[in-house]
Amino acid sequence: MFQKEVAQRAASKEGSKVYGVLSVLMQAYYDIEYLFDVGNECFDPPPKVQSGVIRLKRKAATVNYKSERAFWVLVKKL
Protein backbone atom coordinates (compact mmCIF):
# COMPACT_ATOMS: atom_id res chain seq x y z
CA MET A 1 0.00 0.00 0.00
CA PHE A 2 1.32 3.40 -1.02
CA GLN A 3 0.04 6.95 -1.25
CA LYS A 4 -2.45 6.84 -4.13
CA GLU A 5 -0.41 9.06 -6.45
CA VAL A 6 2.75 6.97 -5.93
CA ALA A 7 0.85 3.72 -6.56
CA GLN A 8 -0.68 5.14 -9.75
CA ARG A 9 2.72 6.39 -10.95
CA ALA A 10 4.36 2.99 -10.29
CA ALA A 11 1.62 1.13 -12.20
CA SER A 12 1.24 3.62 -15.07
CA LYS A 13 1.87 2.52 -18.63
CA GLU A 14 4.18 4.07 -21.20
CA GLY A 15 2.59 7.17 -22.72
CA SER A 16 0.60 7.98 -19.58
CA LYS A 17 0.84 11.50 -18.18
CA VAL A 18 2.23 10.17 -14.86
CA TYR A 19 4.69 7.69 -16.41
CA GLY A 20 8.19 8.55 -15.25
CA VAL A 21 11.40 7.49 -13.52
CA LEU A 22 9.63 5.52 -10.79
CA SER A 23 7.53 3.69 -13.39
CA VAL A 24 10.54 2.72 -15.52
CA LEU A 25 12.73 1.58 -12.63
CA MET A 26 10.03 -0.45 -10.88
CA GLN A 27 8.68 -2.01 -14.08
CA ALA A 28 12.17 -3.12 -15.09
CA TYR A 29 12.06 -5.61 -12.20
CA TYR A 30 8.34 -6.15 -11.47
CA ASP A 31 5.01 -6.63 -13.22
CA ILE A 32 2.81 -4.10 -11.43
CA GLU A 33 -0.97 -4.17 -11.15
CA TYR A 34 -3.02 -1.41 -9.51
CA LEU A 35 -5.63 -3.21 -7.41
CA PHE A 36 -7.80 -0.71 -5.52
CA ASP A 37 -8.04 2.57 -3.60
CA VAL A 38 -8.13 2.77 0.19
CA GLY A 39 -10.02 5.81 1.44
CA ASN A 40 -8.67 7.94 4.26
CA GLU A 41 -11.78 7.08 6.32
CA CYS A 42 -10.34 3.58 6.79
CA PHE A 43 -7.73 4.93 9.22
CA ASP A 44 -7.92 6.49 12.64
CA PRO A 45 -7.00 9.28 12.66
CA PRO A 46 -7.73 9.74 8.96
CA PRO A 47 -4.70 10.91 6.95
CA LYS A 48 -4.92 13.83 4.55
CA VAL A 49 -4.06 11.56 1.61
CA GLN A 50 -5.67 8.51 0.04
CA SER A 51 -3.90 5.20 -0.45
CA GLY A 52 -3.70 2.72 -3.28
CA VAL A 53 -2.83 -0.96 -3.23
CA ILE A 54 -0.62 -2.45 -5.94
CA ARG A 55 0.56 -5.99 -6.62
CA LEU A 56 4.25 -6.44 -7.38
CA LYS A 57 5.20 -9.69 -9.11
CA ARG A 58 8.95 -10.17 -9.58
CA LYS A 59 9.85 -10.73 -13.24
CA ALA A 60 11.47 -14.10 -13.90
CA ALA A 61 13.92 -12.54 -16.34
CA THR A 62 15.04 -8.94 -16.46
CA VAL A 63 16.60 -7.05 -19.33
CA ASN A 64 20.28 -7.84 -19.76
CA TYR A 65 21.97 -4.56 -18.85
CA LYS A 66 25.62 -3.82 -19.45
CA SER A 67 25.60 -2.29 -15.98
CA GLU A 68 22.64 -1.99 -13.63
CA ARG A 69 24.11 1.22 -12.18
CA ALA A 70 24.51 2.69 -15.69
CA PHE A 71 20.85 1.84 -16.43
CA TRP A 72 19.69 3.64 -13.27
CA VAL A 73 21.85 6.69 -14.04
CA LEU A 74 20.59 6.81 -17.64
CA VAL A 75 16.92 6.60 -16.61
CA LYS A 76 17.34 9.30 -13.96
CA LYS A 77 19.14 11.65 -16.38
CA LEU A 78 16.54 11.22 -19.11
PDB file of N, CA and C in Angstrom:
ATOM      1  N   MET A   1       0.849  -1.161   0.000  1.00  0.00           N
ATOM      2  CA  MET A   1       0.000   0.000   0.000  1.00  0.00           C
ATOM      3  C   MET A   1       0.898   1.227   0.000  1.00  0.00           C
ATOM      4  N   PHE A   2       0.576   2.160  -0.871  1.00  0.00           N
ATOM      5  CA  PHE A   2       1.322   3.403  -1.017  1.00  0.00           C
ATOM      6  C   PHE A   2       0.340   4.571  -1.063  1.00  0.00           C
ATOM      7  N   GLN A   3       0.877   5.786  -0.988  1.00  0.00           N
ATOM      8  CA  GLN A   3       0.042   6.954  -1.250  1.00  0.00           C
ATOM      9  C   GLN A   3      -0.509   6.781  -2.663  1.00  0.00           C
ATOM     10  N   LYS A   4      -1.754   7.117  -2.878  1.00  0.00           N
ATOM     11  CA  LYS A   4      -2.453   6.835  -4.134  1.00  0.00           C
ATOM     12  C   LYS A   4      -1.677   7.317  -5.359  1.00  0.00           C
ATOM     13  N   GLU A   5      -1.124   8.510  -5.307  1.00  0.00           N
ATOM     14  CA  GLU A   5      -0.407   9.065  -6.450  1.00  0.00           C
ATOM     15  C   GLU A   5       0.856   8.258  -6.762  1.00  0.00           C
ATOM     16  N   VAL A   6       1.536   7.771  -5.739  1.00  0.00           N
ATOM     17  CA  VAL A   6       2.746   6.966  -5.935  1.00  0.00           C
ATOM     18  C   VAL A   6       2.368   5.614  -6.534  1.00  0.00           C
ATOM     19  N   ALA A   7       1.310   5.007  -6.037  1.00  0.00           N
ATOM     20  CA  ALA A   7       0.849   3.715  -6.563  1.00  0.00           C
ATOM     21  C   ALA A   7       0.443   3.854  -8.028  1.00  0.00           C
ATOM     22  N   GLN A   8      -0.263   4.925  -8.368  1.00  0.00           N
ATOM     23  CA  GLN A   8      -0.675   5.142  -9.752  1.00  0.00           C
ATOM     24  C   GLN A   8       0.534   5.365 -10.651  1.00  0.00           C
ATOM     25  N   ARG A   9       1.514   6.122 -10.169  1.00  0.00           N
ATOM     26  CA  ARG A   9       2.718   6.385 -10.949  1.00  0.00           C
ATOM     27  C   ARG A   9       3.499   5.088 -11.188  1.00  0.00           C
ATOM     28  N   ALA A  10       3.619   4.247 -10.162  1.00  0.00           N
ATOM     29  CA  ALA A  10       4.356   2.986 -10.294  1.00  0.00           C
ATOM     30  C   ALA A  10       3.682   2.065 -11.298  1.00  0.00           C
ATOM     31  N   ALA A  11       2.361   2.046 -11.332  1.00  0.00           N
ATOM     32  CA  ALA A  11       1.617   1.129 -12.196  1.00  0.00           C
ATOM     33  C   ALA A  11       1.283   1.712 -13.568  1.00  0.00           C
ATOM     34  N   SER A  12       1.620   2.971 -13.813  1.00  0.00           N
ATOM     35  CA  SER A  12       1.241   3.619 -15.066  1.00  0.00           C
ATOM     36  C   SER A  12       1.964   3.000 -16.261  1.00  0.00           C
ATOM     37  N   LYS A  13       1.326   3.082 -17.393  1.00  0.00           N
ATOM     38  CA  LYS A  13       1.868   2.516 -18.629  1.00  0.00           C
ATOM     39  C   LYS A  13       2.566   3.599 -19.441  1.00  0.00           C
ATOM     40  N   GLU A  14       3.454   3.161 -20.323  1.00  0.00           N
ATOM     41  CA  GLU A  14       4.178   4.075 -21.197  1.00  0.00           C
ATOM     42  C   GLU A  14       3.191   4.942 -21.972  1.00  0.00           C
ATOM     43  N   GLY A  15       3.469   6.234 -22.036  1.00  0.00           N
ATOM     44  CA  GLY A  15       2.590   7.172 -22.722  1.00  0.00           C
ATOM     45  C   GLY A  15       1.618   7.871 -21.788  1.00  0.00           C
ATOM     46  N   SER A  16       1.469   7.357 -20.576  1.00  0.00           N
ATOM     47  CA  SER A  16       0.602   7.980 -19.581  1.00  0.00           C
ATOM     48  C   SER A  16       1.214   9.287 -19.098  1.00  0.00           C
ATOM     49  N   LYS A  17       0.377  10.200 -18.671  1.00  0.00           N
ATOM     50  CA  LYS A  17       0.836  11.497 -18.177  1.00  0.00           C
ATOM     51  C   LYS A  17       1.709  11.361 -16.929  1.00  0.00           C
ATOM     52  N   VAL A  18       1.484  10.344 -16.108  1.00  0.00           N
ATOM     53  CA  VAL A  18       2.230  10.171 -14.858  1.00  0.00           C
ATOM     54  C   VAL A  18       3.382   9.166 -14.978  1.00  0.00           C
ATOM     55  N   TYR A  19       3.595   8.623 -16.186  1.00  0.00           N
ATOM     56  CA  TYR A  19       4.694   7.689 -16.411  1.00  0.00           C
ATOM     57  C   TYR A  19       6.012   8.425 -16.262  1.00  0.00           C
ATOM     58  N   GLY A  20       6.932   7.870 -15.466  1.00  0.00           N
ATOM     59  CA  GLY A  20       8.193   8.555 -15.254  1.00  0.00           C
ATOM     60  C   GLY A  20       9.277   7.630 -14.719  1.00  0.00           C
ATOM     61  N   VAL A  21      10.248   8.216 -14.037  1.00  0.00           N
ATOM     62  CA  VAL A  21      11.403   7.491 -13.520  1.00  0.00           C
ATOM     63  C   VAL A  21      10.977   6.328 -12.633  1.00  0.00           C
ATOM     64  N   LEU A  22      10.093   6.583 -11.691  1.00  0.00           N
ATOM     65  CA  LEU A  22       9.630   5.522 -10.788  1.00  0.00           C
ATOM     66  C   LEU A  22       9.007   4.373 -11.577  1.00  0.00           C
ATOM     67  N   SER A  23       8.191   4.704 -12.562  1.00  0.00           N
ATOM     68  CA  SER A  23       7.533   3.688 -13.391  1.00  0.00           C
ATOM     69  C   SER A  23       8.562   2.821 -14.104  1.00  0.00           C
ATOM     70  N   VAL A  24       9.528   3.449 -14.738  1.00  0.00           N
ATOM     71  CA  VAL A  24      10.535   2.722 -15.519  1.00  0.00           C
ATOM     72  C   VAL A  24      11.365   1.818 -14.620  1.00  0.00           C
ATOM     73  N   LEU A  25      11.853   2.360 -13.512  1.00  0.00           N
ATOM     74  CA  LEU A  25      12.727   1.584 -12.633  1.00  0.00           C
ATOM     75  C   LEU A  25      11.996   0.423 -11.975  1.00  0.00           C
ATOM     76  N   MET A  26      10.775   0.642 -11.523  1.00  0.00           N
ATOM     77  CA  MET A  26      10.032  -0.452 -10.884  1.00  0.00           C
ATOM     78  C   MET A  26       9.610  -1.505 -11.898  1.00  0.00           C
ATOM     79  N   GLN A  27       9.168  -1.069 -13.071  1.00  0.00           N
ATOM     80  CA  GLN A  27       8.678  -2.008 -14.076  1.00  0.00           C
ATOM     81  C   GLN A  27       9.808  -2.776 -14.756  1.00  0.00           C
ATOM     82  N   ALA A  28      11.038  -2.353 -14.574  1.00  0.00           N
ATOM     83  CA  ALA A  28      12.173  -3.120 -15.089  1.00  0.00           C
ATOM     84  C   ALA A  28      12.331  -4.425 -14.315  1.00  0.00           C
ATOM     85  N   TYR A  29      11.878  -4.447 -13.072  1.00  0.00           N
ATOM     86  CA  TYR A  29      12.058  -5.609 -12.198  1.00  0.00           C
ATOM     87  C   TYR A  29      10.755  -6.313 -11.819  1.00  0.00           C
ATOM     88  N   TYR A  30       9.627  -5.611 -11.930  1.00  0.00           N
ATOM     89  CA  TYR A  30       8.341  -6.150 -11.472  1.00  0.00           C
ATOM     90  C   TYR A  30       7.240  -5.926 -12.496  1.00  0.00           C
ATOM     91  N   ASP A  31       6.290  -6.857 -12.546  1.00  0.00           N
ATOM     92  CA  ASP A  31       5.009  -6.626 -13.217  1.00  0.00           C
ATOM     93  C   ASP A  31       4.132  -6.004 -12.141  1.00  0.00           C
ATOM     94  N   ILE A  32       3.546  -4.856 -12.442  1.00  0.00           N
ATOM     95  CA  ILE A  32       2.808  -4.102 -11.427  1.00  0.00           C
ATOM     96  C   ILE A  32       1.350  -3.976 -11.851  1.00  0.00           C
ATOM     97  N   GLU A  33       0.472  -4.262 -10.910  1.00  0.00           N
ATOM     98  CA  GLU A  33      -0.969  -4.169 -11.151  1.00  0.00           C
ATOM     99  C   GLU A  33      -1.588  -3.305 -10.054  1.00  0.00           C
ATOM    100  N   TYR A  34      -2.302  -2.254 -10.468  1.00  0.00           N
ATOM    101  CA  TYR A  34      -3.021  -1.412  -9.506  1.00  0.00           C
ATOM    102  C   TYR A  34      -4.303  -2.146  -9.129  1.00  0.00           C
ATOM    103  N   LEU A  35      -4.491  -2.410  -7.843  1.00  0.00           N
ATOM    104  CA  LEU A  35      -5.634  -3.213  -7.410  1.00  0.00           C
ATOM    105  C   LEU A  35      -6.834  -2.367  -6.999  1.00  0.00           C
ATOM    106  N   PHE A  36      -6.662  -1.492  -5.994  1.00  0.00           N
ATOM    107  CA  PHE A  36      -7.802  -0.705  -5.522  1.00  0.00           C
ATOM    108  C   PHE A  36      -7.338   0.462  -4.662  1.00  0.00           C
ATOM    109  N   ASP A  37      -8.262   1.404  -4.469  1.00  0.00           N
ATOM    110  CA  ASP A  37      -8.038   2.566  -3.601  1.00  0.00           C
ATOM    111  C   ASP A  37      -8.414   2.211  -2.165  1.00  0.00           C
ATOM    112  N   VAL A  38      -7.765   2.873  -1.224  1.00  0.00           N
ATOM    113  CA  VAL A  38      -8.132   2.770   0.185  1.00  0.00           C
ATOM    114  C   VAL A  38      -8.395   4.192   0.660  1.00  0.00           C
ATOM    115  N   GLY A  39      -9.640   4.466   1.018  1.00  0.00           N
ATOM    116  CA  GLY A  39     -10.024   5.808   1.444  1.00  0.00           C
ATOM    117  C   GLY A  39      -9.418   6.186   2.786  1.00  0.00           C
ATOM    118  N   ASN A  40      -9.265   7.476   3.002  1.00  0.00           N
ATOM    119  CA  ASN A  40      -8.674   7.939   4.261  1.00  0.00           C
ATOM    120  C   ASN A  40      -9.586   7.676   5.458  1.00  0.00           C
ATOM    121  N   GLU A  41     -10.852   7.382   5.220  1.00  0.00           N
ATOM    122  CA  GLU A  41     -11.776   7.080   6.320  1.00  0.00           C
ATOM    123  C   GLU A  41     -11.519   5.697   6.926  1.00  0.00           C
ATOM    124  N   CYS A  42     -10.668   4.910   6.283  1.00  0.00           N
ATOM    125  CA  CYS A  42     -10.335   3.576   6.791  1.00  0.00           C
ATOM    126  C   CYS A  42      -9.301   3.619   7.920  1.00  0.00           C
ATOM    127  N   PHE A  43      -8.771   4.789   8.204  1.00  0.00           N
ATOM    128  CA  PHE A  43      -7.726   4.934   9.217  1.00  0.00           C
ATOM    129  C   PHE A  43      -8.194   5.834  10.349  1.00  0.00           C
ATOM    130  N   ASP A  44      -7.601   5.640  11.501  1.00  0.00           N
ATOM    131  CA  ASP A  44      -7.924   6.486  12.644  1.00  0.00           C
ATOM    132  C   ASP A  44      -6.628   6.935  13.302  1.00  0.00           C
ATOM    133  N   PRO A  45      -6.296   8.174  13.292  1.00  0.00           N
ATOM    134  CA  PRO A  45      -7.002   9.283  12.655  1.00  0.00           C
ATOM    135  C   PRO A  45      -6.834   9.229  11.136  1.00  0.00           C
ATOM    136  N   PRO A  46      -7.802   9.781  10.421  1.00  0.00           N
ATOM    137  CA  PRO A  46      -7.728   9.742   8.958  1.00  0.00           C
ATOM    138  C   PRO A  46      -6.591  10.621   8.435  1.00  0.00           C
ATOM    139  N   PRO A  47      -5.762  10.097   7.532  1.00  0.00           N
ATOM    140  CA  PRO A  47      -4.702  10.912   6.949  1.00  0.00           C
ATOM    141  C   PRO A  47      -5.290  11.904   5.948  1.00  0.00           C
ATOM    142  N   LYS A  48      -4.467  12.842   5.525  1.00  0.00           N
ATOM    143  CA  LYS A  48      -4.925  13.829   4.550  1.00  0.00           C
ATOM    144  C   LYS A  48      -4.773  13.341   3.120  1.00  0.00           C
ATOM    145  N   VAL A  49      -4.251  12.132   2.950  1.00  0.00           N
ATOM    146  CA  VAL A  49      -4.056  11.563   1.611  1.00  0.00           C
ATOM    147  C   VAL A  49      -4.785  10.232   1.512  1.00  0.00           C
ATOM    148  N   GLN A  50      -5.068   9.826   0.275  1.00  0.00           N
ATOM    149  CA  GLN A  50      -5.666   8.513   0.041  1.00  0.00           C
ATOM    150  C   GLN A  50      -4.562   7.523  -0.285  1.00  0.00           C
ATOM    151  N   SER A  51      -4.871   6.251  -0.180  1.00  0.00           N
ATOM    152  CA  SER A  51      -3.898   5.201  -0.445  1.00  0.00           C
ATOM    153  C   SER A  51      -4.360   4.336  -1.601  1.00  0.00           C
ATOM    154  N   GLY A  52      -3.411   3.654  -2.204  1.00  0.00           N
ATOM    155  CA  GLY A  52      -3.695   2.717  -3.276  1.00  0.00           C
ATOM    156  C   GLY A  52      -2.896   1.451  -3.053  1.00  0.00           C
ATOM    157  N   VAL A  53      -3.490   0.323  -3.404  1.00  0.00           N
ATOM    158  CA  VAL A  53      -2.827  -0.961  -3.228  1.00  0.00           C
ATOM    159  C   VAL A  53      -2.405  -1.474  -4.601  1.00  0.00           C
ATOM    160  N   ILE A  54      -1.135  -1.878  -4.697  1.00  0.00           N
ATOM    161  CA  ILE A  54      -0.621  -2.450  -5.941  1.00  0.00           C
ATOM    162  C   ILE A  54      -0.069  -3.850  -5.668  1.00  0.00           C
ATOM    163  N   ARG A  55      -0.044  -4.648  -6.710  1.00  0.00           N
ATOM    164  CA  ARG A  55       0.558  -5.986  -6.619  1.00  0.00           C
ATOM    165  C   ARG A  55       1.861  -5.948  -7.411  1.00  0.00           C
ATOM    166  N   LEU A  56       2.943  -6.367  -6.744  1.00  0.00           N
ATOM    167  CA  LEU A  56       4.249  -6.444  -7.384  1.00  0.00           C
ATOM    168  C   LEU A  56       4.591  -7.921  -7.580  1.00  0.00           C
ATOM    169  N   LYS A  57       4.810  -8.314  -8.820  1.00  0.00           N
ATOM    170  CA  LYS A  57       5.202  -9.688  -9.108  1.00  0.00           C
ATOM    171  C   LYS A  57       6.575  -9.638  -9.772  1.00  0.00           C
ATOM    172  N   ARG A  58       7.575 -10.198  -9.093  1.00  0.00           N
ATOM    173  CA  ARG A  58       8.952 -10.170  -9.584  1.00  0.00           C
ATOM    174  C   ARG A  58       9.032 -10.837 -10.949  1.00  0.00           C
ATOM    175  N   LYS A  59       9.680 -10.161 -11.907  1.00  0.00           N
ATOM    176  CA  LYS A  59       9.849 -10.728 -13.237  1.00  0.00           C
ATOM    177  C   LYS A  59      10.858 -11.861 -13.180  1.00  0.00           C
ATOM    178  N   ALA A  60      10.561 -12.936 -13.873  1.00  0.00           N
ATOM    179  CA  ALA A  60      11.465 -14.097 -13.896  1.00  0.00           C
ATOM    180  C   ALA A  60      12.786 -13.731 -14.563  1.00  0.00           C
ATOM    181  N   ALA A  61      12.712 -12.958 -15.631  1.00  0.00           N
ATOM    182  CA  ALA A  61      13.922 -12.537 -16.339  1.00  0.00           C
ATOM    183  C   ALA A  61      13.870 -11.035 -16.546  1.00  0.00           C
ATOM    184  N   THR A  62      14.963 -10.383 -16.246  1.00  0.00           N
ATOM    185  CA  THR A  62      15.044  -8.943 -16.462  1.00  0.00           C
ATOM    186  C   THR A  62      15.859  -8.671 -17.711  1.00  0.00           C
ATOM    187  N   VAL A  63      15.828  -7.448 -18.158  1.00  0.00           N
ATOM    188  CA  VAL A  63      16.599  -7.046 -19.328  1.00  0.00           C
ATOM    189  C   VAL A  63      18.089  -7.201 -19.004  1.00  0.00           C
ATOM    190  N   ASN A  64      18.845  -7.655 -19.961  1.00  0.00           N
ATOM    191  CA  ASN A  64      20.277  -7.843 -19.757  1.00  0.00           C
ATOM    192  C   ASN A  64      20.978  -6.494 -19.931  1.00  0.00           C
ATOM    193  N   TYR A  65      21.304  -5.849 -18.830  1.00  0.00           N
ATOM    194  CA  TYR A  65      21.968  -4.556 -18.851  1.00  0.00           C
ATOM    195  C   TYR A  65      23.478  -4.744 -18.875  1.00  0.00           C
ATOM    196  N   LYS A  66      24.161  -3.815 -19.519  1.00  0.00           N
ATOM    197  CA  LYS A  66      25.619  -3.821 -19.454  1.00  0.00           C
ATOM    198  C   LYS A  66      26.034  -3.568 -18.005  1.00  0.00           C
ATOM    199  N   SER A  67      25.347  -2.627 -17.382  1.00  0.00           N
ATOM    200  CA  SER A  67      25.601  -2.289 -15.985  1.00  0.00           C
ATOM    201  C   SER A  67      24.291  -1.804 -15.383  1.00  0.00           C
ATOM    202  N   GLU A  68      23.881  -2.407 -14.281  1.00  0.00           N
ATOM    203  CA  GLU A  68      22.640  -1.985 -13.625  1.00  0.00           C
ATOM    204  C   GLU A  68      22.748  -0.538 -13.169  1.00  0.00           C
ATOM    205  N   ARG A  69      23.893  -0.169 -12.628  1.00  0.00           N
ATOM    206  CA  ARG A  69      24.107   1.217 -12.182  1.00  0.00           C
ATOM    207  C   ARG A  69      23.991   2.188 -13.357  1.00  0.00           C
ATOM    208  N   ALA A  70      24.586   1.836 -14.502  1.00  0.00           N
ATOM    209  CA  ALA A  70      24.511   2.689 -15.686  1.00  0.00           C
ATOM    210  C   ALA A  70      23.064   2.848 -16.152  1.00  0.00           C
ATOM    211  N   PHE A  71      22.269   1.769 -16.068  1.00  0.00           N
ATOM    212  CA  PHE A  71      20.853   1.836 -16.431  1.00  0.00           C
ATOM    213  C   PHE A  71      20.123   2.836 -15.534  1.00  0.00           C
ATOM    214  N   TRP A  72      20.339   2.731 -14.218  1.00  0.00           N
ATOM    215  CA  TRP A  72      19.689   3.643 -13.272  1.00  0.00           C
ATOM    216  C   TRP A  72      20.087   5.092 -13.548  1.00  0.00           C
ATOM    217  N   VAL A  73      21.367   5.331 -13.774  1.00  0.00           N
ATOM    218  CA  VAL A  73      21.845   6.691 -14.037  1.00  0.00           C
ATOM    219  C   VAL A  73      21.222   7.222 -15.313  1.00  0.00           C
ATOM    220  N   LEU A  74      21.176   6.400 -16.366  1.00  0.00           N
ATOM    221  CA  LEU A  74      20.591   6.810 -17.639  1.00  0.00           C
ATOM    222  C   LEU A  74      19.123   7.187 -17.462  1.00  0.00           C
ATOM    223  N   VAL A  75      18.353   6.338 -16.808  1.00  0.00           N
ATOM    224  CA  VAL A  75      16.923   6.604 -16.611  1.00  0.00           C
ATOM    225  C   VAL A  75      16.724   7.901 -15.826  1.00  0.00           C
ATOM    226  N   LYS A  76      17.493   8.097 -14.780  1.00  0.00           N
ATOM    227  CA  LYS A  76      17.345   9.303 -13.959  1.00  0.00           C
ATOM    228  C   LYS A  76      17.724  10.555 -14.729  1.00  0.00           C
ATOM    229  N   LYS A  77      18.721  10.479 -15.600  1.00  0.00           N
ATOM    230  CA  LYS A  77      19.139  11.649 -16.381  1.00  0.00           C
ATOM    231  C   LYS A  77      18.154  11.992 -17.480  1.00  0.00           C
ATOM    232  N   LEU A  78      17.505  10.975 -18.039  1.00  0.00           N
ATOM    233  CA  LEU A  78      16.536  11.223 -19.109  1.00  0.00           C
ATOM    234  C   LEU A  78      15.291  11.856 -18.535  1.00  0.00           C
TER     235      LEU A  78
END
